[in-house]
Amino acid sequence: MPTATAALAQAHALLRESGADAVPHPGGTLLAHLDRVRARLEDWRARPALQLAGLCHAFYGTEGFPTALLPLDRRAHLAAVIGAEAEAIVYFYASCDRRRSHPSLATDGSAFHDRFTDRAHIPDLRPRQDFAELTAANELDLARRDPAFRDRWGPDLLALFTRFRPLLSEPAWQDCLTVLDGPSHGS
């Protein structure tokens, strides 16, 4: 595993090579969004693997953003760039069947549904915490950048993050409240 600084540089190179700097996304390009998500996780004092996953969370697409930068058969390549732990977080995040997994994610022993395999499993606490933290960082970036998104989805996101509260760090939770529950929605 390269150092965190080297992995970050290599991840940026792979993102540019994969076209993330040309994919439109609220607030600019996908690459700009990914950088902001990583920075937010850094602000929350997330460990380096979670920060790298935040930067790379769109490589396999997601249920809400289906543009994939790499096919799933290139997981080993991404792991070689960012490390196995960070890649596993990226896969877990991308694989989420939100409709079936979000409602009970914070409950111990609840099933997580993988949209790629259509299988369910019971994840440990750490992957659920990482997922909740990454989800918050991702959605809060969108809410900060796009007032229409915040107005439309803010109440639902606040309800989701309230359910996720047992999984979120204190800095993440406070940011959720600032952005989604402030008098002017954190503007």
Protein backbone atom coordinates (compact mmCIF):
# COMPACT_ATOMS: atom_id res chain seq x y z
CA MET A 1 0.00 0.00 0.00
CA PRO A 2 1.44 3.37 -0.96
CA THR A 3 1.53 6.17 1.60
CA ALA A 4 -1.69 8.15 2.02
CA THR A 5 -0.17 11.06 0.07
CA ALA A 6 0.97 8.79 -2.78
CA ALA A 7 -2.37 6.97 -2.84
CA LEU A 8 -4.19 10.30 -3.02
CA ALA A 9 -2.05 11.42 -5.98
CA GLN A 10 -2.51 8.08 -7.73
CA ALA A 11 -6.25 8.14 -7.11
CA HIS A 12 -6.46 11.63 -8.63
CA ALA A 13 -4.51 10.42 -11.67
CA LEU A 14 -6.84 7.43 -12.08
CA LEU A 15 -9.90 9.66 -11.71
CA ARG A 16 -8.62 12.00 -14.43
CA GLU A 17 -7.68 9.05 -16.64
CA SER A 18 -11.21 7.69 -16.14
CA GLY A 19 -12.77 11.01 -17.16
CA ALA A 20 -14.11 12.19 -13.79
CA ASP A 21 -12.91 15.71 -14.57
CA ALA A 22 -15.23 15.80 -17.61
CA VAL A 23 -18.38 14.30 -16.07
CA PRO A 24 -20.92 17.04 -15.21
CA HIS A 25 -22.09 17.01 -11.60
CA PRO A 26 -23.88 19.52 -9.36
CA GLY A 27 -21.33 22.13 -8.39
CA GLY A 28 -19.07 21.52 -11.41
CA THR A 29 -17.53 18.20 -12.35
CA LEU A 30 -17.62 14.80 -10.73
CA LEU A 31 -13.95 15.19 -9.80
CA ALA A 32 -14.63 18.49 -8.02
CA HIS A 33 -17.48 16.82 -6.08
CA LEU A 34 -15.27 13.87 -5.14
CA ASP A 35 -12.55 16.23 -3.90
CA ARG A 36 -15.10 18.07 -1.75
CA VAL A 37 -16.43 14.79 -0.28
CA ARG A 38 -12.88 13.72 0.64
CA ALA A 39 -12.17 17.13 2.17
CA ARG A 40 -15.36 16.98 4.23
CA LEU A 41 -14.35 13.55 5.56
CA GLU A 42 -10.92 14.96 6.40
CA ASP A 43 -12.60 17.85 8.26
CA TRP A 44 -14.53 15.24 10.24
CA ARG A 45 -11.20 13.53 11.10
CA ALA A 46 -12.03 10.34 9.21
CA ARG A 47 -9.18 7.86 8.88
CA PRO A 48 -7.17 7.93 5.62
CA ALA A 49 -8.88 4.85 4.12
CA LEU A 50 -12.31 6.45 4.48
CA GLN A 51 -11.02 9.72 3.01
CA LEU A 52 -9.65 7.83 -0.01
CA ALA A 53 -12.97 6.00 -0.35
CA GLY A 54 -14.72 9.37 -0.28
CA LEU A 55 -12.56 10.54 -3.14
CA CYS A 56 -13.19 7.34 -5.10
CA HIS A 57 -16.77 6.50 -4.12
CA ALA A 58 -18.14 6.91 -7.65
CA PHE A 59 -15.78 4.51 -9.43
CA TYR A 60 -18.42 1.77 -9.70
CA GLY A 61 -21.38 4.12 -9.93
CA THR A 62 -24.13 4.17 -7.33
CA GLU A 63 -27.84 3.60 -7.35
CA GLY A 64 -28.33 7.38 -7.41
CA PHE A 65 -25.49 8.15 -9.87
CA PRO A 66 -25.18 5.26 -12.32
CA THR A 67 -22.15 6.60 -14.24
CA ALA A 68 -19.36 4.10 -13.50
CA LEU A 69 -15.75 5.08 -14.08
CA LEU A 70 -14.48 1.50 -13.75
CA PRO A 71 -16.21 -1.83 -14.28
CA LEU A 72 -16.44 -4.16 -11.28
CA ASP A 73 -13.94 -6.55 -12.85
CA ARG A 74 -11.28 -3.85 -12.21
CA ARG A 75 -11.66 -3.89 -8.43
CA ALA A 76 -8.13 -5.26 -8.00
CA HIS A 77 -6.77 -2.32 -9.98
CA LEU A 78 -8.51 0.22 -7.76
CA ALA A 79 -7.36 -1.69 -4.65
CA ALA A 80 -3.76 -1.50 -5.89
CA VAL A 81 -4.11 2.28 -6.16
CA ILE A 82 -5.97 3.13 -2.93
CA GLY A 83 -5.53 0.01 -0.81
CA ALA A 84 -7.81 -2.92 -0.09
CA GLU A 85 -9.57 -1.27 2.86
CA ALA A 86 -10.51 1.86 0.92
CA GLU A 87 -11.59 -0.17 -2.12
CA ALA A 88 -13.81 -2.35 0.07
CA ILE A 89 -15.53 0.82 1.35
CA VAL A 90 -16.00 2.03 -2.25
CA TYR A 91 -17.56 -1.30 -3.25
CA PHE A 92 -19.81 -1.41 -0.18
CA TYR A 93 -21.02 2.12 -0.85
CA ALA A 94 -21.60 1.53 -4.56
CA SER A 95 -23.31 -1.80 -4.02
CA CYS A 96 -26.02 -0.48 -1.70
CA ASP A 97 -29.61 -1.14 -2.65
CA ARG A 98 -30.80 1.98 -0.87
CA ARG A 99 -34.50 1.16 -0.74
CA ARG A 100 -33.86 -2.12 1.05
CA SER A 101 -30.79 -1.18 3.11
CA HIS A 102 -31.22 2.42 4.32
CA PRO A 103 -34.24 1.96 6.62
CA SER A 104 -32.50 -0.40 9.06
CA LEU A 105 -28.78 0.22 8.47
CA ALA A 106 -28.23 1.56 12.00
CA THR A 107 -29.81 -1.54 13.58
CA ASP A 108 -27.39 -4.30 14.57
CA GLY A 109 -28.08 -7.53 12.73
CA SER A 110 -29.99 -5.91 9.86
CA ALA A 111 -29.42 -7.06 6.32
CA PHE A 112 -27.49 -5.02 3.79
CA HIS A 113 -28.63 -5.65 0.22
CA ASP A 114 -26.01 -5.68 -2.54
CA ARG A 115 -27.51 -4.35 -5.78
CA PHE A 116 -24.75 -5.93 -7.89
CA THR A 117 -25.23 -9.50 -6.61
CA ASP A 118 -28.84 -9.22 -5.37
CA ARG A 119 -27.66 -10.87 -2.15
CA ALA A 120 -28.05 -9.75 1.42
CA HIS A 121 -25.58 -10.06 4.28
CA ILE A 122 -25.18 -8.77 7.81
CA PRO A 123 -22.28 -6.28 7.88
CA ASP A 124 -20.17 -5.52 10.93
CA LEU A 125 -20.36 -2.13 12.63
CA ARG A 126 -17.32 -0.52 10.92
CA PRO A 127 -18.64 -0.89 7.33
CA ARG A 128 -22.01 0.49 8.42
CA GLN A 129 -20.32 3.47 10.09
CA ASP A 130 -18.18 4.10 7.00
CA PHE A 131 -21.24 3.89 4.78
CA ALA A 132 -23.21 6.34 6.92
CA GLU A 133 -20.32 8.80 7.13
CA LEU A 134 -19.64 8.63 3.38
CA THR A 135 -23.33 8.99 2.60
CA ALA A 136 -23.54 12.08 4.79
CA ALA A 137 -20.43 13.65 3.24
CA ASN A 138 -21.74 12.98 -0.25
CA GLU A 139 -25.28 14.24 0.28
CA LEU A 140 -24.22 17.27 2.31
CA ASP A 141 -21.94 18.35 -0.53
CA LEU A 142 -24.91 18.21 -2.90
CA ALA A 143 -27.12 20.08 -0.42
CA ARG A 144 -24.52 22.82 0.02
CA ARG A 145 -24.00 23.24 -3.73
CA ASP A 146 -27.56 23.04 -4.97
CA PRO A 147 -30.29 24.95 -3.08
CA ALA A 148 -33.02 23.24 -5.14
CA PHE A 149 -31.62 19.82 -4.14
CA ARG A 150 -31.50 20.92 -0.49
CA ASP A 151 -35.05 22.27 -0.60
CA ARG A 152 -36.39 19.12 -2.27
CA TRP A 153 -34.39 16.46 -0.39
CA GLY A 154 -33.25 18.18 2.82
CA PRO A 155 -36.10 16.96 5.05
CA ASP A 156 -35.71 13.38 3.78
CA LEU A 157 -31.94 13.53 4.25
CA LEU A 158 -32.30 14.88 7.77
CA ALA A 159 -34.68 12.01 8.56
CA LEU A 160 -32.19 9.52 7.06
CA PHE A 161 -29.26 10.93 9.00
CA THR A 162 -31.32 11.00 12.17
CA ARG A 163 -31.82 7.24 11.69
CA PHE A 164 -28.08 6.91 10.94
CA ARG A 165 -27.18 8.97 14.04
CA PRO A 166 -25.80 5.98 16.01
CA LEU A 167 -23.36 5.39 13.13
CA LEU A 168 -22.23 8.98 12.53
CA SER A 169 -19.31 10.73 14.16
CA GLU A 170 -20.13 13.82 16.16
CA PRO A 171 -18.57 16.17 13.54
CA ALA A 172 -20.64 14.51 10.78
CA TRP A 173 -23.85 14.76 12.80
CA GLN A 174 -23.25 18.42 13.62
CA ASP A 175 -22.62 19.14 9.94
CA CYS A 176 -25.89 17.38 9.05
CA LEU A 177 -27.73 19.64 11.47
CA THR A 178 -25.97 22.76 10.21
CA VAL A 179 -26.62 22.08 6.54
CA LEU A 180 -30.06 20.48 6.72
CA ASP A 181 -31.71 21.87 9.84
CA GLY A 182 -30.36 25.42 10.11
CA PRO A 183 -32.62 28.46 9.77
CA SER A 184 -31.50 28.91 6.17
CA HIS A 185 -30.42 25.30 5.64
CA GLY A 186 -26.77 26.13 6.29
CA SER A 187 -26.42 28.63 3.46
